[in-house]
Amino acid sequence: MGVFQNNLLAGAAAAASAGGGAFYSYQIEQSVRLDRASSSYFSRAIQSGGSTRQWTLSFWFKLTAGAGFGSNEYHVYTADTNVQGSYDVFMFDQSSTSTNFWRIFQPTSSYKAENSFRDSSGWGHLMLVADSPNSDQTLRRRMYFNGTLLSPQSANYPSQNADCSFNANKTHLIGSRQDISSNHFYDGYFAEWHFVDGYSYDASYFGETKNGVWIPKDYYTTTGNYGTTGYYLKFENASDLGNDSSGNNNDFTANNMGTDHQVLDSPTFGS
């Protein structure tokens, strides 16, 4: 499975021997379940004032794909204008049964992560970083999986100081394509969703390796920078799943989700 094998599974025995909760210095008690059958997703109109050149997206995920992988695309994050070629999208793309990739598409750039992803049974950590001012074009879009900086299988990098639709003044969707297409909803769990406006971070801000296992860190307490348009979705309030806990009050609207979409399953607390 290459770099995309979920090393949380390999560390399960170590966590158990360490006394469960004692293994993790930072606990995540819940997550949110988005399912294609319910057409569930989050939405928010991002206000102006954020950086469209530098930002960091960090989240934990577990794929379930209850509808099957037959429709090819499971959209994680999109910036919506609903005009072909004018929106940004971050998705899980199942091109065939043996090549499943995380990828980002933008009007003038694209990034397809190396290696095939096949593990839909355990939690993993993903980061997407925008850093278009970087003089090294290969670092202007970066993707990390469980702390590892991924090399692209293919990439068309943005030009230096290029702007993007992510974090621009338009509608953003978590778990849906820009046109709310029923064939492209995400299917799985999310936990610890951080969007950091104006900062291009590496994975060490959000996780660390312990006994060979990549585990979460408490970014909010130890660093806590979110910028103007940044937000932190903990999914801790079942009646208000889109509540922003960063202090910015940049809340998202939960669509087609009830309290049952909050689940007691997370990277540190198994169901």
Protein backbone atom coordinates (compact mmCIF):
# COMPACT_ATOMS: atom_id res chain seq x y z
CA MET A 1 0.00 0.00 0.00
CA GLY A 2 3.01 2.31 0.09
CA VAL A 3 2.89 5.53 2.05
CA PHE A 4 -0.90 5.49 2.09
CA GLN A 5 -1.17 2.52 4.43
CA ASN A 6 -2.78 3.76 7.63
CA ASN A 7 -0.15 3.45 10.36
CA LEU A 8 -2.77 3.97 13.06
CA LEU A 9 -3.73 0.33 12.59
CA ALA A 10 -0.14 -0.75 13.10
CA GLY A 11 -0.07 1.17 16.35
CA ALA A 12 -3.29 -0.23 17.79
CA ALA A 13 -1.51 -2.86 19.84
CA ALA A 14 0.92 -0.27 21.16
CA ALA A 15 -1.94 1.98 22.17
CA ALA A 16 -3.66 -0.84 23.98
CA SER A 17 -0.52 -1.81 25.86
CA ALA A 18 -0.02 1.83 26.82
CA GLY A 19 -3.39 1.89 28.56
CA GLY A 20 -5.61 3.22 25.76
CA GLY A 21 -6.09 6.88 26.56
CA ALA A 22 -2.65 7.12 28.13
CA PHE A 23 -1.11 6.50 24.71
CA TYR A 24 -2.53 9.77 23.39
CA SER A 25 -1.55 13.00 25.08
CA TYR A 26 -4.36 14.73 23.18
CA GLN A 27 -7.79 13.13 22.95
CA ILE A 28 -10.35 13.60 20.18
CA GLU A 29 -13.68 12.41 21.49
CA GLN A 30 -15.92 12.57 18.42
CA SER A 31 -16.17 12.97 14.68
CA VAL A 32 -18.85 13.69 12.09
CA ARG A 33 -20.21 11.11 9.66
CA LEU A 34 -21.04 12.34 6.15
CA ASP A 35 -22.85 9.86 3.95
CA ARG A 36 -23.78 10.00 0.31
CA ALA A 37 -27.17 8.40 0.90
CA SER A 38 -28.21 11.40 3.05
CA SER A 39 -26.58 14.00 0.73
CA SER A 40 -24.90 15.45 3.82
CA TYR A 41 -22.41 18.31 3.57
CA PHE A 42 -21.32 21.61 5.16
CA SER A 43 -21.51 25.03 3.50
CA ARG A 44 -20.34 28.55 4.26
CA ALA A 45 -19.87 31.79 2.33
CA ILE A 46 -16.27 32.81 3.10
CA GLN A 47 -15.98 36.55 3.67
CA SER A 48 -13.29 38.69 2.06
CA GLY A 49 -10.05 39.45 3.85
CA GLY A 50 -8.37 36.05 3.83
CA SER A 51 -5.25 35.00 1.96
CA THR A 52 -5.75 33.23 -1.36
CA ARG A 53 -2.02 32.53 -1.57
CA GLN A 54 -1.09 31.02 1.79
CA TRP A 55 -3.23 28.74 3.95
CA THR A 56 -3.21 25.31 5.60
CA LEU A 57 -6.00 22.72 5.72
CA SER A 58 -5.58 19.87 8.22
CA PHE A 59 -8.08 17.13 9.04
CA TRP A 60 -8.42 13.50 10.10
CA PHE A 61 -10.57 11.18 8.01
CA LYS A 62 -11.88 7.66 7.68
CA LEU A 63 -13.42 6.50 4.41
CA THR A 64 -16.47 4.26 4.37
CA ALA A 65 -17.92 4.74 0.88
CA GLY A 66 -21.24 3.18 1.79
CA ALA A 67 -22.48 3.87 -1.75
CA GLY A 68 -19.48 2.07 -3.22
CA PHE A 69 -16.57 3.55 -5.15
CA GLY A 70 -18.39 3.31 -8.47
CA SER A 71 -18.96 7.02 -9.06
CA ASN A 72 -15.25 7.87 -9.13
CA GLU A 73 -15.18 11.12 -7.19
CA TYR A 74 -15.69 11.79 -3.47
CA HIS A 75 -15.42 15.55 -2.97
CA VAL A 76 -13.83 16.74 0.26
CA TYR A 77 -13.59 20.52 -0.18
CA THR A 78 -14.71 22.86 -2.95
CA ALA A 79 -14.87 26.60 -3.55
CA ASP A 80 -18.08 27.26 -5.40
CA THR A 81 -18.86 29.47 -8.37
CA ASN A 82 -20.61 26.63 -10.24
CA VAL A 83 -18.87 27.69 -13.44
CA GLN A 84 -16.73 25.01 -15.07
CA GLY A 85 -13.06 25.93 -14.80
CA SER A 86 -13.66 28.62 -12.18
CA TYR A 87 -13.71 26.61 -8.97
CA ASP A 88 -11.18 24.71 -6.85
CA VAL A 89 -11.74 21.15 -5.67
CA PHE A 90 -9.98 18.71 -3.35
CA MET A 91 -11.23 15.13 -3.75
CA PHE A 92 -10.67 11.44 -3.35
CA ASP A 93 -10.58 10.04 -6.89
CA GLN A 94 -11.12 6.34 -7.54
CA SER A 95 -9.82 5.99 -11.07
CA SER A 96 -9.86 2.20 -10.95
CA THR A 97 -9.92 -0.56 -8.36
CA SER A 98 -6.13 -0.39 -8.03
CA THR A 99 -5.46 3.35 -8.27
CA ASN A 100 -7.22 5.50 -5.69
CA PHE A 101 -5.75 8.98 -5.25
CA TRP A 102 -6.14 12.22 -3.37
CA ARG A 103 -5.98 15.12 -5.78
CA ILE A 104 -6.58 18.85 -6.12
CA PHE A 105 -7.84 20.62 -9.23
CA GLN A 106 -7.73 24.37 -9.83
CA PRO A 107 -8.26 26.36 -13.04
CA THR A 108 -4.52 26.78 -13.67
CA SER A 109 -2.95 24.03 -11.58
CA SER A 110 -3.42 20.43 -10.45
CA TYR A 111 -1.81 17.96 -8.07
CA LYS A 112 -2.24 14.18 -7.96
CA ALA A 113 -0.64 12.53 -4.95
CA GLU A 114 1.72 9.62 -5.34
CA ASN A 115 0.77 6.06 -4.43
CA SER A 116 -2.53 4.29 -4.30
CA PHE A 117 -4.80 4.59 -1.27
CA ARG A 118 -6.66 1.39 -0.39
CA ASP A 119 -7.26 1.46 3.35
CA SER A 120 -10.86 2.41 4.10
CA SER A 121 -10.93 0.82 7.55
CA GLY A 122 -8.84 3.16 9.72
CA TRP A 123 -8.18 6.80 10.48
CA GLY A 124 -5.60 8.87 8.64
CA HIS A 125 -4.40 12.46 8.66
CA LEU A 126 -4.32 14.69 5.58
CA MET A 127 -2.99 18.19 5.05
CA LEU A 128 -3.25 20.45 2.02
CA VAL A 129 -1.01 23.52 2.02
CA ALA A 130 -1.05 26.55 -0.28
CA ASP A 131 2.17 28.55 -0.48
CA SER A 132 2.26 30.24 -3.88
CA PRO A 133 4.85 32.89 -2.83
CA ASN A 134 7.40 30.08 -2.42
CA SER A 135 10.32 30.37 -4.85
CA ASP A 136 10.36 26.57 -5.18
CA GLN A 137 7.42 25.71 -7.43
CA THR A 138 7.21 22.15 -6.05
CA LEU A 139 6.35 23.59 -2.62
CA ARG A 140 3.57 25.92 -3.75
CA ARG A 141 1.05 23.11 -3.31
CA ARG A 142 1.91 20.49 -0.72
CA MET A 143 0.09 17.43 0.55
CA TYR A 144 0.94 15.45 3.68
CA PHE A 145 -0.36 12.05 4.71
CA ASN A 146 0.26 10.92 8.30
CA GLY A 147 3.11 13.40 8.60
CA THR A 148 4.82 12.48 5.32
CA LEU A 149 5.25 15.10 2.60
CA LEU A 150 4.01 13.44 -0.58
CA SER A 151 5.63 13.69 -3.94
CA PRO A 152 3.12 14.09 -6.74
CA GLN A 153 2.49 11.44 -9.33
CA SER A 154 1.66 14.35 -11.61
CA ALA A 155 1.46 18.08 -11.02
CA ASN A 156 0.96 21.39 -12.78
CA TYR A 157 2.15 23.90 -10.22
CA PRO A 158 0.70 27.40 -9.83
CA SER A 159 2.79 30.36 -10.84
CA GLN A 160 4.52 32.31 -8.10
CA ASN A 161 2.11 34.47 -6.05
CA ALA A 162 -0.90 33.03 -7.88
CA ASP A 163 -4.27 33.37 -6.17
CA CYS A 164 -6.75 30.53 -5.81
CA SER A 165 -10.48 30.20 -5.17
CA PHE A 166 -9.97 28.45 -1.84
CA ASN A 167 -10.34 31.07 0.91
CA ALA A 168 -11.69 33.62 -1.58
CA ASN A 169 -14.96 35.48 -1.09
CA LYS A 170 -17.31 32.75 -2.29
CA THR A 171 -19.20 29.71 -1.03
CA HIS A 172 -17.14 26.80 0.28
CA LEU A 173 -18.43 23.26 0.67
CA ILE A 174 -17.13 20.40 2.80
CA GLY A 175 -18.19 17.00 1.51
CA SER A 176 -19.81 18.10 -1.74
CA ARG A 177 -19.01 19.14 -5.30
CA GLN A 178 -19.62 22.78 -6.27
CA ASP A 179 -22.97 21.96 -7.94
CA ILE A 180 -24.24 19.81 -5.00
CA SER A 181 -24.22 16.79 -7.31
CA SER A 182 -25.71 13.72 -5.62
CA ASN A 183 -23.13 11.52 -7.37
CA HIS A 184 -20.12 13.21 -5.77
CA PHE A 185 -20.80 13.60 -2.06
CA TYR A 186 -18.11 12.47 0.35
CA ASP A 187 -18.74 9.21 2.21
CA GLY A 188 -16.89 8.83 5.51
CA TYR A 189 -15.84 10.52 8.73
CA PHE A 190 -14.06 13.79 9.50
CA ALA A 191 -12.44 14.91 12.76
CA GLU A 192 -10.33 17.90 13.85
CA TRP A 193 -10.90 20.05 10.77
CA HIS A 194 -8.57 23.07 10.88
CA PHE A 195 -8.38 25.77 8.22
CA VAL A 196 -5.57 28.25 8.93
CA ASP A 197 -5.69 31.52 6.97
CA GLY A 198 -2.36 33.14 6.06
CA TYR A 199 0.01 30.41 7.29
CA SER A 200 1.73 27.64 5.33
CA TYR A 201 2.59 25.01 7.93
CA ASP A 202 4.19 21.59 7.90
CA ALA A 203 2.67 18.51 9.51
CA SER A 204 4.52 18.88 12.82
CA TYR A 205 2.02 21.55 13.88
CA PHE A 206 -0.84 19.06 13.85
CA GLY A 207 0.67 15.67 14.62
CA GLU A 208 3.67 13.77 15.92
CA THR A 209 5.13 10.29 15.81
CA LYS A 210 4.92 8.14 18.94
CA ASN A 211 6.16 4.53 18.96
CA GLY A 212 6.04 4.60 15.18
CA VAL A 213 2.44 5.86 15.07
CA TRP A 214 1.34 9.24 13.72
CA ILE A 215 -0.97 10.76 16.36
CA PRO A 216 -2.80 14.11 16.74
CA LYS A 217 -1.43 17.19 18.49
CA ASP A 218 -3.48 19.97 20.07
CA TYR A 219 -2.95 22.74 17.51
CA TYR A 220 -5.58 25.03 19.05
CA THR A 221 -3.83 25.19 22.45
CA THR A 222 -0.19 25.01 21.38
CA THR A 223 -0.32 27.35 18.35
CA GLY A 224 -3.86 28.56 17.75
CA ASN A 225 -3.28 30.89 14.79
CA TYR A 226 -6.30 30.92 12.45
CA GLY A 227 -6.09 34.31 10.73
CA THR A 228 -9.18 36.22 9.66
CA THR A 229 -11.12 33.59 7.73
CA GLY A 230 -9.75 30.50 9.46
CA TYR A 231 -11.86 28.12 11.48
CA TYR A 232 -11.75 24.97 13.61
CA LEU A 233 -14.53 22.39 13.35
CA LYS A 234 -14.50 19.96 16.30
CA PHE A 235 -17.99 18.58 15.61
CA GLU A 236 -18.45 18.50 19.39
CA ASN A 237 -22.00 19.89 19.49
CA ALA A 238 -24.38 17.38 17.89
CA SER A 239 -27.02 20.10 17.54
CA ASP A 240 -24.59 22.53 15.88
CA LEU A 241 -22.08 20.40 13.98
CA GLY A 242 -20.74 23.35 11.94
CA ASN A 243 -19.81 25.45 14.96
CA ASP A 244 -16.40 27.13 14.67
CA SER A 245 -14.29 26.65 17.82
CA SER A 246 -11.37 28.86 16.70
CA GLY A 247 -12.80 32.01 18.27
CA ASN A 248 -13.49 33.59 14.86
CA ASN A 249 -17.15 32.49 14.76
CA ASN A 250 -16.74 31.39 11.15
CA ASP A 251 -19.50 28.80 11.46
CA PHE A 252 -20.57 26.37 8.73
CA THR A 253 -24.12 25.26 7.99
CA ALA A 254 -24.74 21.53 8.33
CA ASN A 255 -26.97 20.31 5.51
CA ASN A 256 -29.01 17.10 5.69
CA MET A 257 -27.43 16.14 9.00
CA GLY A 258 -29.06 15.39 12.34
CA THR A 259 -27.58 14.74 15.75
CA ASP A 260 -27.02 11.13 14.72
CA HIS A 261 -24.27 12.31 12.34
CA GLN A 262 -22.03 12.96 15.33
CA VAL A 263 -20.33 9.70 16.29
CA LEU A 264 -18.08 8.54 19.12
CA ASP A 265 -15.36 7.37 16.78
CA SER A 266 -12.12 9.28 16.29
CA PRO A 267 -8.37 8.90 15.71
CA THR A 268 -7.90 8.45 19.48
CA PHE A 269 -11.24 7.04 20.61
CA GLY A 270 -12.53 3.97 18.75
CA SER A 271 -16.19 3.12 18.45
